[in-house]
Amino acid sequence: MILIIGLGNPSQIYLKTRHNFGWTILDLLQKKWKEEYGFSDWEELKKFRAKTSKGVFENKTVILAKPLTSMNLSGQSVKSLIFYRKIEFKDLMVIHDDIDIPWEKSK
């Protein structure tokens, strides 16, 4: 099983900023993979404080997850997903903004 985390902030003020880069990428992946591989719609899972979408890609179960905590507390959501799903660290990917890349070049 593979877990792909997209970091972001749930507040509307961050909606179209670099702080939601991880969520933006996951939204694009989920939309594309839903059509191509049958990924599920986003589902809010309160026990993980995250929205998730699940599917199979290249014979591997993949979970896309957007923590619904603020960026600084996203580790709590990620930790609960890792332990509950028994994800090995080699099967974890985190998508986040990069302060070293100019925002204009990430669009």
N, C-alpha and C. Protein backbone atom coordinates (compact mmCIF):
# COMPACT_ATOMS: atom_id res chain seq x y z
N MET A 1 0.84 -1.18 0.00
CA MET A 1 0.00 0.00 0.00
C MET A 1 0.88 1.23 0.00
N ILE A 2 0.48 2.22 -0.78
CA ILE A 2 1.22 3.48 -0.88
C ILE A 2 0.33 4.60 -0.38
N LEU A 3 0.93 5.49 0.39
CA LEU A 3 0.22 6.65 0.92
C LEU A 3 0.87 7.91 0.36
N ILE A 4 0.07 8.71 -0.33
CA ILE A 4 0.56 9.99 -0.86
C ILE A 4 -0.16 11.10 -0.12
N ILE A 5 0.60 11.88 0.61
CA ILE A 5 0.07 12.98 1.41
C ILE A 5 0.29 14.29 0.66
N GLY A 6 -0.74 15.09 0.59
CA GLY A 6 -0.62 16.44 0.04
C GLY A 6 -0.84 17.44 1.15
N LEU A 7 0.19 18.21 1.47
CA LEU A 7 0.06 19.17 2.57
C LEU A 7 -0.61 20.44 2.10
N GLY A 8 -1.41 21.01 2.99
CA GLY A 8 -2.12 22.25 2.71
C GLY A 8 -2.69 22.81 3.98
N ASN A 9 -3.49 23.83 3.84
CA ASN A 9 -4.16 24.47 4.98
C ASN A 9 -5.65 24.53 4.68
N PRO A 10 -6.49 24.17 5.65
CA PRO A 10 -7.93 24.15 5.40
C PRO A 10 -8.59 25.52 5.30
N SER A 11 -7.94 26.56 5.74
CA SER A 11 -8.53 27.89 5.72
C SER A 11 -8.66 28.41 4.29
N GLN A 12 -9.76 29.08 4.00
CA GLN A 12 -10.02 29.64 2.67
C GLN A 12 -8.95 30.66 2.25
N ILE A 13 -8.33 31.31 3.21
CA ILE A 13 -7.34 32.33 2.84
C ILE A 13 -6.12 31.73 2.14
N TYR A 14 -5.91 30.42 2.29
CA TYR A 14 -4.77 29.76 1.67
C TYR A 14 -5.14 29.03 0.38
N LEU A 15 -6.41 29.11 -0.02
CA LEU A 15 -6.93 28.30 -1.12
C LEU A 15 -6.05 28.31 -2.37
N LYS A 16 -5.66 29.45 -2.85
CA LYS A 16 -4.88 29.52 -4.09
C LYS A 16 -3.48 30.06 -3.84
N THR A 17 -2.87 29.58 -2.76
CA THR A 17 -1.51 30.01 -2.43
C THR A 17 -0.58 28.80 -2.44
N ARG A 18 0.69 29.07 -2.35
CA ARG A 18 1.67 27.98 -2.32
C ARG A 18 1.47 27.07 -1.10
N HIS A 19 0.80 27.56 -0.07
CA HIS A 19 0.57 26.75 1.13
C HIS A 19 -0.36 25.58 0.85
N ASN A 20 -1.05 25.59 -0.26
CA ASN A 20 -1.94 24.48 -0.63
C ASN A 20 -1.43 23.71 -1.83
N PHE A 21 -0.17 23.84 -2.12
CA PHE A 21 0.42 23.17 -3.28
C PHE A 21 0.18 21.66 -3.24
N GLY A 22 0.36 21.04 -2.08
CA GLY A 22 0.15 19.59 -1.95
C GLY A 22 -1.28 19.19 -2.26
N TRP A 23 -2.23 19.97 -1.75
CA TRP A 23 -3.65 19.68 -2.03
C TRP A 23 -3.95 19.85 -3.50
N THR A 24 -3.38 20.88 -4.12
CA THR A 24 -3.63 21.14 -5.54
C THR A 24 -3.15 19.96 -6.39
N ILE A 25 -1.96 19.48 -6.11
CA ILE A 25 -1.41 18.34 -6.85
C ILE A 25 -2.29 17.11 -6.65
N LEU A 26 -2.70 16.85 -5.41
CA LEU A 26 -3.55 15.67 -5.16
C LEU A 26 -4.90 15.79 -5.85
N ASP A 27 -5.46 16.98 -5.89
CA ASP A 27 -6.73 17.17 -6.61
C ASP A 27 -6.56 16.81 -8.08
N LEU A 28 -5.45 17.23 -8.68
CA LEU A 28 -5.18 16.92 -10.08
C LEU A 28 -4.99 15.42 -10.28
N LEU A 29 -4.21 14.78 -9.40
CA LEU A 29 -3.99 13.34 -9.49
C LEU A 29 -5.30 12.57 -9.33
N GLN A 30 -6.09 12.95 -8.32
CA GLN A 30 -7.34 12.23 -8.05
C GLN A 30 -8.29 12.33 -9.23
N LYS A 31 -8.38 13.49 -9.81
CA LYS A 31 -9.27 13.68 -10.97
C LYS A 31 -8.82 12.81 -12.14
N LYS A 32 -7.53 12.84 -12.43
CA LYS A 32 -6.98 12.05 -13.54
C LYS A 32 -7.11 10.56 -13.26
N TRP A 33 -6.74 10.14 -12.05
CA TRP A 33 -6.77 8.71 -11.71
C TRP A 33 -8.18 8.19 -11.51
N LYS A 34 -9.11 9.06 -11.15
CA LYS A 34 -10.51 8.63 -11.04
C LYS A 34 -11.01 8.19 -12.41
N GLU A 35 -10.69 8.97 -13.43
CA GLU A 35 -11.10 8.63 -14.79
C GLU A 35 -10.36 7.41 -15.32
N GLU A 36 -9.08 7.34 -15.07
CA GLU A 36 -8.25 6.28 -15.65
C GLU A 36 -8.23 4.99 -14.84
N TYR A 37 -8.30 5.09 -13.50
CA TYR A 37 -8.11 3.92 -12.65
C TYR A 37 -9.23 3.70 -11.63
N GLY A 38 -10.26 4.53 -11.69
CA GLY A 38 -11.41 4.34 -10.80
C GLY A 38 -11.18 4.73 -9.35
N PHE A 39 -10.31 5.72 -9.11
CA PHE A 39 -10.13 6.18 -7.74
C PHE A 39 -11.45 6.71 -7.20
N SER A 40 -11.64 6.58 -5.89
CA SER A 40 -12.88 7.01 -5.25
C SER A 40 -12.96 8.53 -5.17
N ASP A 41 -14.18 9.02 -4.93
CA ASP A 41 -14.36 10.44 -4.62
C ASP A 41 -13.67 10.73 -3.29
N TRP A 42 -13.41 12.00 -3.03
CA TRP A 42 -12.84 12.39 -1.74
C TRP A 42 -13.83 12.08 -0.64
N GLU A 43 -13.33 11.49 0.44
CA GLU A 43 -14.16 11.17 1.60
C GLU A 43 -13.48 11.74 2.84
N GLU A 44 -14.25 12.45 3.66
CA GLU A 44 -13.68 13.00 4.90
C GLU A 44 -13.74 11.93 5.98
N LEU A 45 -12.57 11.61 6.52
CA LEU A 45 -12.47 10.62 7.59
C LEU A 45 -12.06 11.34 8.87
N LYS A 46 -13.03 11.53 9.74
CA LYS A 46 -12.80 12.33 10.96
C LYS A 46 -11.72 11.72 11.86
N LYS A 47 -11.65 10.38 11.94
CA LYS A 47 -10.66 9.78 12.84
C LYS A 47 -9.23 10.05 12.40
N PHE A 48 -9.04 10.35 11.09
CA PHE A 48 -7.71 10.70 10.59
C PHE A 48 -7.54 12.19 10.37
N ARG A 49 -8.62 12.95 10.53
CA ARG A 49 -8.62 14.38 10.25
C ARG A 49 -8.04 14.64 8.86
N ALA A 50 -8.63 13.92 7.87
CA ALA A 50 -8.14 14.02 6.50
C ALA A 50 -9.25 13.66 5.51
N LYS A 51 -9.08 14.15 4.29
CA LYS A 51 -9.89 13.69 3.17
C LYS A 51 -9.03 12.69 2.41
N THR A 52 -9.64 11.57 2.01
CA THR A 52 -8.88 10.55 1.31
C THR A 52 -9.60 10.09 0.05
N SER A 53 -8.83 9.59 -0.86
CA SER A 53 -9.31 8.94 -2.07
C SER A 53 -8.46 7.70 -2.24
N LYS A 54 -9.08 6.61 -2.63
CA LYS A 54 -8.37 5.33 -2.69
C LYS A 54 -8.59 4.69 -4.05
N GLY A 55 -7.56 4.01 -4.52
CA GLY A 55 -7.66 3.29 -5.78
C GLY A 55 -6.48 2.36 -5.95
N VAL A 56 -6.42 1.76 -7.12
CA VAL A 56 -5.32 0.84 -7.45
C VAL A 56 -4.60 1.40 -8.66
N PHE A 57 -3.29 1.52 -8.53
CA PHE A 57 -2.45 2.04 -9.59
C PHE A 57 -1.29 1.07 -9.75
N GLU A 58 -1.13 0.52 -10.95
CA GLU A 58 -0.07 -0.44 -11.24
C GLU A 58 -0.02 -1.56 -10.19
N ASN A 59 -1.17 -2.14 -9.94
CA ASN A 59 -1.33 -3.28 -9.01
C ASN A 59 -1.01 -2.97 -7.56
N LYS A 60 -0.97 -1.72 -7.19
CA LYS A 60 -0.73 -1.31 -5.80
C LYS A 60 -1.90 -0.47 -5.33
N THR A 61 -2.38 -0.75 -4.11
CA THR A 61 -3.40 0.11 -3.51
C THR A 61 -2.73 1.43 -3.14
N VAL A 62 -3.37 2.52 -3.53
CA VAL A 62 -2.83 3.86 -3.28
C VAL A 62 -3.89 4.67 -2.55
N ILE A 63 -3.48 5.34 -1.49
CA ILE A 63 -4.36 6.26 -0.78
C ILE A 63 -3.79 7.66 -0.95
N LEU A 64 -4.62 8.55 -1.45
CA LEU A 64 -4.29 9.97 -1.51
C LEU A 64 -4.91 10.60 -0.28
N ALA A 65 -4.16 11.42 0.44
CA ALA A 65 -4.69 12.02 1.67
C ALA A 65 -4.34 13.49 1.78
N LYS A 66 -5.36 14.27 2.14
CA LYS A 66 -5.19 15.70 2.39
C LYS A 66 -5.54 15.95 3.86
N PRO A 67 -4.53 16.12 4.73
CA PRO A 67 -4.82 16.42 6.13
C PRO A 67 -5.67 17.68 6.25
N LEU A 68 -6.65 17.65 7.14
CA LEU A 68 -7.54 18.79 7.36
C LEU A 68 -7.12 19.63 8.56
N THR A 69 -5.92 19.38 9.03
CA THR A 69 -5.35 20.18 10.12
C THR A 69 -4.60 21.34 9.49
N SER A 70 -4.20 22.29 10.31
CA SER A 70 -3.32 23.34 9.78
C SER A 70 -1.99 22.68 9.42
N MET A 71 -1.24 23.35 8.57
CA MET A 71 0.04 22.80 8.10
C MET A 71 0.93 22.36 9.26
N ASN A 72 1.00 23.17 10.30
CA ASN A 72 1.88 22.87 11.44
C ASN A 72 1.44 21.65 12.24
N LEU A 73 0.20 21.22 12.09
CA LEU A 73 -0.31 20.07 12.83
C LEU A 73 -0.57 18.86 11.93
N SER A 74 -0.15 18.93 10.68
CA SER A 74 -0.44 17.85 9.73
C SER A 74 0.20 16.53 10.14
N GLY A 75 1.27 16.59 10.89
CA GLY A 75 1.92 15.36 11.36
C GLY A 75 1.00 14.46 12.17
N GLN A 76 0.06 15.05 12.88
CA GLN A 76 -0.89 14.25 13.67
C GLN A 76 -1.76 13.41 12.75
N SER A 77 -2.25 14.01 11.69
CA SER A 77 -3.08 13.29 10.72
C SER A 77 -2.26 12.23 9.99
N VAL A 78 -1.08 12.60 9.55
CA VAL A 78 -0.21 11.68 8.82
C VAL A 78 0.16 10.49 9.70
N LYS A 79 0.51 10.75 10.94
CA LYS A 79 0.88 9.68 11.86
C LYS A 79 -0.26 8.68 12.03
N SER A 80 -1.47 9.17 12.21
CA SER A 80 -2.59 8.25 12.41
C SER A 80 -2.85 7.41 11.16
N LEU A 81 -2.72 7.99 9.98
CA LEU A 81 -2.88 7.23 8.74
C LEU A 81 -1.79 6.17 8.59
N ILE A 82 -0.55 6.53 8.88
CA ILE A 82 0.57 5.59 8.76
C ILE A 82 0.38 4.40 9.69
N PHE A 83 0.05 4.66 10.96
CA PHE A 83 -0.08 3.57 11.91
C PHE A 83 -1.32 2.72 11.67
N TYR A 84 -2.43 3.33 11.34
CA TYR A 84 -3.66 2.58 11.11
C TYR A 84 -3.54 1.70 9.87
N ARG A 85 -2.98 2.24 8.80
CA ARG A 85 -2.85 1.50 7.54
C ARG A 85 -1.57 0.68 7.46
N LYS A 86 -0.73 0.78 8.51
CA LYS A 86 0.54 0.05 8.56
C LYS A 86 1.42 0.33 7.33
N ILE A 87 1.58 1.61 7.06
CA ILE A 87 2.36 2.07 5.92
C ILE A 87 3.84 2.07 6.28
N GLU A 88 4.66 1.46 5.44
CA GLU A 88 6.10 1.53 5.63
C GLU A 88 6.59 2.88 5.08
N PHE A 89 7.61 3.42 5.69
CA PHE A 89 8.09 4.74 5.29
C PHE A 89 8.53 4.77 3.83
N LYS A 90 8.99 3.64 3.30
CA LYS A 90 9.39 3.60 1.89
C LYS A 90 8.19 3.76 0.96
N ASP A 91 6.98 3.57 1.49
CA ASP A 91 5.75 3.67 0.71
C ASP A 91 4.98 4.96 1.01
N LEU A 92 5.68 5.94 1.56
CA LEU A 92 5.08 7.23 1.91
C LEU A 92 5.68 8.32 1.04
N MET A 93 4.81 9.14 0.46
CA MET A 93 5.26 10.28 -0.32
C MET A 93 4.53 11.51 0.22
N VAL A 94 5.26 12.60 0.40
CA VAL A 94 4.66 13.84 0.90
C VAL A 94 4.90 14.93 -0.15
N ILE A 95 3.81 15.56 -0.57
CA ILE A 95 3.89 16.65 -1.54
C ILE A 95 3.64 17.95 -0.79
N HIS A 96 4.57 18.88 -0.93
CA HIS A 96 4.48 20.15 -0.18
C HIS A 96 5.04 21.27 -1.03
N ASP A 97 4.81 22.49 -0.58
CA ASP A 97 5.41 23.62 -1.27
C ASP A 97 6.89 23.68 -0.94
N ASP A 98 7.63 24.34 -1.76
CA ASP A 98 9.06 24.46 -1.55
C ASP A 98 9.42 25.94 -1.58
N ILE A 99 9.84 26.44 -0.47
CA ILE A 99 10.16 27.86 -0.33
C ILE A 99 11.28 28.27 -1.28
N ASP A 100 12.11 27.28 -1.73
CA ASP A 100 13.23 27.60 -2.60
C ASP A 100 12.85 27.73 -4.07
N ILE A 101 11.62 27.33 -4.42
CA ILE A 101 11.16 27.46 -5.79
C ILE A 101 10.26 28.69 -5.87
N PRO A 102 10.56 29.63 -6.73
CA PRO A 102 9.68 30.79 -6.86
C PRO A 102 8.26 30.36 -7.21
N TRP A 103 7.28 30.94 -6.56
CA TRP A 103 5.87 30.57 -6.73
C TRP A 103 5.47 30.59 -8.21
N GLU A 104 5.95 31.55 -8.96
CA GLU A 104 5.58 31.69 -10.36
C GLU A 104 6.02 30.47 -11.18
N LYS A 105 7.12 29.83 -10.79
CA LYS A 105 7.64 28.67 -11.53
C LYS A 105 6.93 27.38 -11.16
N SER A 106 6.16 27.38 -10.09
CA SER A 106 5.48 26.15 -9.68
C SER A 106 4.10 26.02 -10.31
N LYS A 107 3.65 27.04 -11.02
CA LYS A 107 2.30 27.01 -11.62
C LYS A 107 2.28 26.24 -12.92
